[in-house]
Amino acid sequence: MVAGGPLLVEGPVEVVTDDGRVVVSDRCVVALCVCRRSRRYPFCDTSHRRRDRRVSEAPPTDSGPD
């Protein structure tokens, strides 16, 4: 598993979600979402790559003449 990425599982798989729904995939490798950002949950749609990165940068300060 890659930090912040999906959990790769050899398929085919049958996943039971928290609400009891059964989701099936017959692919040979399945990427399961662990960040819960996926619109296709429980499968990964790479939404973890588009997370909001708000970096606050302080404006440069005027320290006077050099």
PDB file of N, CA and C in Angstrom:
ATOM      1  N   MET A   1       0.842  -1.174   0.000  1.00  0.00           N
ATOM      2  CA  MET A   1       0.000   0.000   0.000  1.00  0.00           C
ATOM      3  C   MET A   1       0.889   1.241   0.000  1.00  0.00           C
ATOM      4  N   VAL A   2       0.569   2.196  -0.831  1.00  0.00           N
ATOM      5  CA  VAL A   2       1.295   3.456  -0.894  1.00  0.00           C
ATOM      6  C   VAL A   2       0.622   4.445   0.036  1.00  0.00           C
ATOM      7  N   ALA A   3       1.378   5.175   0.830  1.00  0.00           N
ATOM      8  CA  ALA A   3       0.805   6.148   1.758  1.00  0.00           C
ATOM      9  C   ALA A   3      -0.104   7.116   1.017  1.00  0.00           C
ATOM     10  N   GLY A   4      -1.345   7.234   1.468  1.00  0.00           N
ATOM     11  CA  GLY A   4      -2.298   8.137   0.841  1.00  0.00           C
ATOM     12  C   GLY A   4      -2.945   7.582  -0.410  1.00  0.00           C
ATOM     13  N   GLY A   5      -2.574   6.382  -0.802  1.00  0.00           N
ATOM     14  CA  GLY A   5      -3.111   5.783  -2.021  1.00  0.00           C
ATOM     15  C   GLY A   5      -4.037   4.626  -1.713  1.00  0.00           C
ATOM     16  N   PRO A   6      -4.441   3.903  -2.747  1.00  0.00           N
ATOM     17  CA  PRO A   6      -5.389   2.802  -2.566  1.00  0.00           C
ATOM     18  C   PRO A   6      -4.725   1.516  -2.062  1.00  0.00           C
ATOM     19  N   LEU A   7      -5.557   0.607  -1.657  1.00  0.00           N
ATOM     20  CA  LEU A   7      -5.123  -0.729  -1.271  1.00  0.00           C
ATOM     21  C   LEU A   7      -5.355  -1.622  -2.484  1.00  0.00           C
ATOM     22  N   LEU A   8      -4.300  -2.220  -3.020  1.00  0.00           N
ATOM     23  CA  LEU A   8      -4.422  -3.086  -4.190  1.00  0.00           C
ATOM     24  C   LEU A   8      -4.651  -4.522  -3.740  1.00  0.00           C
ATOM     25  N   VAL A   9      -5.695  -5.144  -4.302  1.00  0.00           N
ATOM     26  CA  VAL A   9      -6.086  -6.500  -3.927  1.00  0.00           C
ATOM     27  C   VAL A   9      -6.214  -7.327  -5.199  1.00  0.00           C
ATOM     28  N   GLU A  10      -5.692  -8.555  -5.163  1.00  0.00           N
ATOM     29  CA  GLU A  10      -5.856  -9.449  -6.307  1.00  0.00           C
ATOM     30  C   GLU A  10      -7.305  -9.890  -6.374  1.00  0.00           C
ATOM     31  N   GLY A  11      -7.902  -9.756  -7.558  1.00  0.00           N
ATOM     32  CA  GLY A  11      -9.314 -10.069  -7.743  1.00  0.00           C
ATOM     33  C   GLY A  11      -9.500 -11.455  -8.310  1.00  0.00           C
ATOM     34  N   PRO A  12     -10.706 -11.823  -8.586  1.00  0.00           N
ATOM     35  CA  PRO A  12     -11.929 -11.044  -8.383  1.00  0.00           C
ATOM     36  C   PRO A  12     -12.246 -10.920  -6.892  1.00  0.00           C
ATOM     37  N   VAL A  13     -12.981  -9.855  -6.547  1.00  0.00           N
ATOM     38  CA  VAL A  13     -13.297  -9.594  -5.140  1.00  0.00           C
ATOM     39  C   VAL A  13     -14.785  -9.310  -4.971  1.00  0.00           C
ATOM     40  N   GLU A  14     -15.231  -9.544  -3.755  1.00  0.00           N
ATOM     41  CA  GLU A  14     -16.577  -9.203  -3.330  1.00  0.00           C
ATOM     42  C   GLU A  14     -16.401  -8.399  -2.047  1.00  0.00           C
ATOM     43  N   VAL A  15     -16.834  -7.144  -2.060  1.00  0.00           N
ATOM     44  CA  VAL A  15     -16.648  -6.250  -0.916  1.00  0.00           C
ATOM     45  C   VAL A  15     -18.005  -5.980  -0.287  1.00  0.00           C
ATOM     46  N   VAL A  16     -18.070  -6.088   1.033  1.00  0.00           N
ATOM     47  CA  VAL A  16     -19.279  -5.742   1.769  1.00  0.00           C
ATOM     48  C   VAL A  16     -19.013  -4.394   2.438  1.00  0.00           C
ATOM     49  N   THR A  17     -19.794  -3.361   2.071  1.00  0.00           N
ATOM     50  CA  THR A  17     -19.603  -2.015   2.614  1.00  0.00           C
ATOM     51  C   THR A  17     -20.196  -1.909   4.017  1.00  0.00           C
ATOM     52  N   ASP A  18     -19.946  -0.779   4.671  1.00  0.00           N
ATOM     53  CA  ASP A  18     -20.435  -0.556   6.033  1.00  0.00           C
ATOM     54  C   ASP A  18     -21.953  -0.682   6.142  1.00  0.00           C
ATOM     55  N   ASP A  19     -22.650  -0.297   5.069  1.00  0.00           N
ATOM     56  CA  ASP A  19     -24.117  -0.352   5.108  1.00  0.00           C
ATOM     57  C   ASP A  19     -24.680  -1.704   4.647  1.00  0.00           C
ATOM     58  N   GLY A  20     -23.809  -2.696   4.443  1.00  0.00           N
ATOM     59  CA  GLY A  20     -24.240  -4.039   4.086  1.00  0.00           C
ATOM     60  C   GLY A  20     -24.371  -4.300   2.596  1.00  0.00           C
ATOM     61  N   ARG A  21     -24.106  -3.291   1.784  1.00  0.00           N
ATOM     62  CA  ARG A  21     -24.178  -3.454   0.335  1.00  0.00           C
ATOM     63  C   ARG A  21     -23.019  -4.331  -0.126  1.00  0.00           C
ATOM     64  N   VAL A  22     -23.279  -5.233  -1.093  1.00  0.00           N
ATOM     65  CA  VAL A  22     -22.242  -6.109  -1.644  1.00  0.00           C
ATOM     66  C   VAL A  22     -21.862  -5.585  -3.020  1.00  0.00           C
ATOM     67  N   VAL A  23     -20.569  -5.325  -3.202  1.00  0.00           N
ATOM     68  CA  VAL A  23     -20.053  -4.811  -4.467  1.00  0.00           C
ATOM     69  C   VAL A  23     -19.059  -5.825  -5.005  1.00  0.00           C
ATOM     70  N   VAL A  24     -19.196  -6.170  -6.285  1.00  0.00           N
ATOM     71  CA  VAL A  24     -18.376  -7.220  -6.891  1.00  0.00           C
ATOM     72  C   VAL A  24     -17.539  -6.638  -8.026  1.00  0.00           C
ATOM     73  N   SER A  25     -16.291  -7.087  -8.129  1.00  0.00           N
ATOM     74  CA  SER A  25     -15.429  -6.739  -9.256  1.00  0.00           C
ATOM     75  C   SER A  25     -14.750  -8.016  -9.729  1.00  0.00           C
ATOM     76  N   ASP A  26     -14.771  -8.226 -11.052  1.00  0.00           N
ATOM     77  CA  ASP A  26     -14.131  -9.425 -11.594  1.00  0.00           C
ATOM     78  C   ASP A  26     -12.767  -9.123 -12.207  1.00  0.00           C
ATOM     79  N   ARG A  27     -12.227  -7.932 -11.936  1.00  0.00           N
ATOM     80  CA  ARG A  27     -10.901  -7.566 -12.449  1.00  0.00           C
ATOM     81  C   ARG A  27      -9.821  -8.374 -11.740  1.00  0.00           C
ATOM     82  N   CYS A  28      -8.665  -8.511 -12.376  1.00  0.00           N
ATOM     83  CA  CYS A  28      -7.583  -9.310 -11.775  1.00  0.00           C
ATOM     84  C   CYS A  28      -6.876  -8.555 -10.650  1.00  0.00           C
ATOM     85  N   VAL A  29      -6.882  -7.221 -10.679  1.00  0.00           N
ATOM     86  CA  VAL A  29      -6.361  -6.400  -9.585  1.00  0.00           C
ATOM     87  C   VAL A  29      -7.373  -5.287  -9.336  1.00  0.00           C
ATOM     88  N   VAL A  30      -7.718  -5.088  -8.078  1.00  0.00           N
ATOM     89  CA  VAL A  30      -8.721  -4.100  -7.702  1.00  0.00           C
ATOM     90  C   VAL A  30      -8.085  -3.093  -6.751  1.00  0.00           C
ATOM     91  N   ALA A  31      -8.321  -1.794  -7.009  1.00  0.00           N
ATOM     92  CA  ALA A  31      -7.825  -0.731  -6.136  1.00  0.00           C
ATOM     93  C   ALA A  31      -8.967  -0.306  -5.219  1.00  0.00           C
ATOM     94  N   LEU A  32      -8.816  -0.587  -3.925  1.00  0.00           N
ATOM     95  CA  LEU A  32      -9.833  -0.213  -2.957  1.00  0.00           C
ATOM     96  C   LEU A  32      -9.459   1.108  -2.298  1.00  0.00           C
ATOM     97  N   CYS A  33     -10.428   1.988  -2.191  1.00  0.00           N
ATOM     98  CA  CYS A  33     -10.210   3.316  -1.617  1.00  0.00           C
ATOM     99  C   CYS A  33     -10.079   3.217  -0.098  1.00  0.00           C
ATOM    100  N   VAL A  34      -9.040   3.826   0.449  1.00  0.00           N
ATOM    101  CA  VAL A  34      -8.880   3.858   1.899  1.00  0.00           C
ATOM    102  C   VAL A  34      -9.036   5.276   2.453  1.00  0.00           C
ATOM    103  N   CYS A  35      -9.099   6.284   1.569  1.00  0.00           N
ATOM    104  CA  CYS A  35      -9.237   7.661   2.038  1.00  0.00           C
ATOM    105  C   CYS A  35     -10.695   8.130   2.056  1.00  0.00           C
ATOM    106  N   ARG A  36     -11.583   7.352   1.433  1.00  0.00           N
ATOM    107  CA  ARG A  36     -13.024   7.638   1.355  1.00  0.00           C
ATOM    108  C   ARG A  36     -13.364   8.896   0.560  1.00  0.00           C
ATOM    109  N   ARG A  37     -12.463   9.348  -0.304  1.00  0.00           N
ATOM    110  CA  ARG A  37     -12.751  10.492  -1.167  1.00  0.00           C
ATOM    111  C   ARG A  37     -13.325  10.073  -2.514  1.00  0.00           C
ATOM    112  N   SER A  38     -13.274   8.800  -2.818  1.00  0.00           N
ATOM    113  CA  SER A  38     -13.682   8.291  -4.118  1.00  0.00           C
ATOM    114  C   SER A  38     -15.179   8.440  -4.348  1.00  0.00           C
ATOM    115  N   ARG A  39     -15.543   8.860  -5.538  1.00  0.00           N
ATOM    116  CA  ARG A  39     -16.954   8.907  -5.922  1.00  0.00           C
ATOM    117  C   ARG A  39     -17.456   7.511  -6.271  1.00  0.00           C
ATOM    118  N   ARG A  40     -16.529   6.581  -6.449  1.00  0.00           N
ATOM    119  CA  ARG A  40     -16.870   5.190  -6.780  1.00  0.00           C
ATOM    120  C   ARG A  40     -16.616   4.266  -5.586  1.00  0.00           C
ATOM    121  N   TYR A  41     -16.602   4.807  -4.370  1.00  0.00           N
ATOM    122  CA  TYR A  41     -16.313   4.031  -3.170  1.00  0.00           C
ATOM    123  C   TYR A  41     -17.134   2.749  -3.164  1.00  0.00           C
ATOM    124  N   PRO A  42     -16.565   1.602  -2.896  1.00  0.00           N
ATOM    125  CA  PRO A  42     -15.295   1.339  -2.235  1.00  0.00           C
ATOM    126  C   PRO A  42     -14.108   1.230  -3.181  1.00  0.00           C
ATOM    127  N   PHE A  43     -14.321   1.474  -4.482  1.00  0.00           N
ATOM    128  CA  PHE A  43     -13.220   1.406  -5.426  1.00  0.00           C
ATOM    129  C   PHE A  43     -12.561   2.771  -5.573  1.00  0.00           C
ATOM    130  N   CYS A  44     -11.266   2.783  -5.800  1.00  0.00           N
ATOM    131  CA  CYS A  44     -10.496   4.015  -5.927  1.00  0.00           C
ATOM    132  C   CYS A  44     -10.718   4.646  -7.304  1.00  0.00           C
ATOM    133  N   ASP A  45     -10.918   5.967  -7.329  1.00  0.00           N
ATOM    134  CA  ASP A  45     -10.995   6.701  -8.600  1.00  0.00           C
ATOM    135  C   ASP A  45      -9.918   7.784  -8.663  1.00  0.00           C
ATOM    136  N   THR A  46      -8.894   7.669  -7.851  1.00  0.00           N
ATOM    137  CA  THR A  46      -7.741   8.574  -7.721  1.00  0.00           C
ATOM    138  C   THR A  46      -8.112   9.947  -7.171  1.00  0.00           C
ATOM    139  N   SER A  47      -9.237  10.067  -6.493  1.00  0.00           N
ATOM    140  CA  SER A  47      -9.616  11.342  -5.879  1.00  0.00           C
ATOM    141  C   SER A  47      -8.608  11.794  -4.829  1.00  0.00           C
ATOM    142  N   HIS A  48      -7.859  10.856  -4.242  1.00  0.00           N
ATOM    143  CA  HIS A  48      -6.863  11.225  -3.237  1.00  0.00           C
ATOM    144  C   HIS A  48      -5.784  12.123  -3.831  1.00  0.00           C
ATOM    145  N   ARG A  49      -5.609  12.084  -5.141  1.00  0.00           N
ATOM    146  CA  ARG A  49      -4.598  12.921  -5.798  1.00  0.00           C
ATOM    147  C   ARG A  49      -5.034  14.371  -5.911  1.00  0.00           C
ATOM    148  N   ARG A  50      -6.346  14.627  -5.854  1.00  0.00           N
ATOM    149  CA  ARG A  50      -6.870  15.970  -6.059  1.00  0.00           C
ATOM    150  C   ARG A  50      -7.212  16.678  -4.760  1.00  0.00           C
ATOM    151  N   ARG A  51      -6.618  16.273  -3.665  1.00  0.00           N
ATOM    152  CA  ARG A  51      -6.976  16.896  -2.392  1.00  0.00           C
ATOM    153  C   ARG A  51      -6.569  18.367  -2.383  1.00  0.00           C
ATOM    154  N   ASP A  52      -7.279  19.139  -1.630  1.00  0.00           N
ATOM    155  CA  ASP A  52      -7.076  20.577  -1.555  1.00  0.00           C
ATOM    156  C   ASP A  52      -5.814  20.882  -0.750  1.00  0.00           C
ATOM    157  N   ARG A  53      -4.875  21.523  -1.384  1.00  0.00           N
ATOM    158  CA  ARG A  53      -3.623  21.878  -0.702  1.00  0.00           C
ATOM    159  C   ARG A  53      -3.557  23.387  -0.565  1.00  0.00           C
ATOM    160  N   ARG A  54      -3.975  23.870   0.565  1.00  0.00           N
ATOM    161  CA  ARG A  54      -3.936  25.308   0.813  1.00  0.00           C
ATOM    162  C   ARG A  54      -2.698  25.636   1.626  1.00  0.00           C
ATOM    163  N   VAL A  55      -1.736  26.189   0.950  1.00  0.00           N
ATOM    164  CA  VAL A  55      -0.490  26.560   1.608  1.00  0.00           C
ATOM    165  C   VAL A  55      -0.541  28.055   1.830  1.00  0.00           C
ATOM    166  N   SER A  56      -0.494  28.458   3.080  1.00  0.00           N
ATOM    167  CA  SER A  56      -0.526  29.888   3.345  1.00  0.00           C
ATOM    168  C   SER A  56       0.891  30.406   3.412  1.00  0.00           C
ATOM    169  N   GLU A  57       1.177  31.317   2.532  1.00  0.00           N
ATOM    170  CA  GLU A  57       2.489  31.932   2.486  1.00  0.00           C
ATOM    171  C   GLU A  57       2.381  33.333   3.030  1.00  0.00           C
ATOM    172  N   ALA A  58       3.237  33.654   3.955  1.00  0.00           N
ATOM    173  CA  ALA A  58       3.246  35.015   4.486  1.00  0.00           C
ATOM    174  C   ALA A  58       3.857  35.923   3.432  1.00  0.00           C
ATOM    175  N   PRO A  59       3.274  37.123   3.258  1.00  0.00           N
ATOM    176  CA  PRO A  59       3.856  38.053   2.300  1.00  0.00           C
ATOM    177  C   PRO A  59       5.240  38.471   2.749  1.00  0.00           C
ATOM    178  N   PRO A  60       6.134  38.775   1.790  1.00  0.00           N
ATOM    179  CA  PRO A  60       7.487  39.197   2.175  1.00  0.00           C
ATOM    180  C   PRO A  60       7.430  40.475   3.010  1.00  0.00           C
ATOM    181  N   THR A  61       8.295  40.535   3.976  1.00  0.00           N
ATOM    182  CA  THR A  61       8.337  41.726   4.840  1.00  0.00           C
ATOM    183  C   THR A  61       9.475  42.623   4.404  1.00  0.00           C
ATOM    184  N   ASP A  62       9.276  43.913   4.566  1.00  0.00           N
ATOM    185  CA  ASP A  62      10.303  44.880   4.230  1.00  0.00           C
ATOM    186  C   ASP A  62      11.179  45.065   5.452  1.00  0.00           C
ATOM    187  N   SER A  63      12.406  44.588   5.383  1.00  0.00           N
ATOM    188  CA  SER A  63      13.298  44.673   6.522  1.00  0.00           C
ATOM    189  C   SER A  63      14.140  45.937   6.502  1.00  0.00           C
ATOM    190  N   GLY A  64      13.815  46.856   5.620  1.00  0.00           N
ATOM    191  CA  GLY A  64      14.543  48.121   5.552  1.00  0.00           C
ATOM    192  C   GLY A  64      15.689  48.040   4.577  1.00  0.00           C
ATOM    193  N   PRO A  65      16.483  49.111   4.498  1.00  0.00           N
ATOM    194  CA  PRO A  65      17.618  49.147   3.559  1.00  0.00           C
ATOM    195  C   PRO A  65      18.692  48.146   3.953  1.00  0.00           C
ATOM    196  N   ASP A  66      19.387  47.631   2.952  1.00  0.00           N
ATOM    197  CA  ASP A  66      20.459  46.650   3.183  1.00  0.00           C
ATOM    198  C   ASP A  66      21.712  47.330   3.593  1.00  0.00           C
TER     199      ASP A  66
END
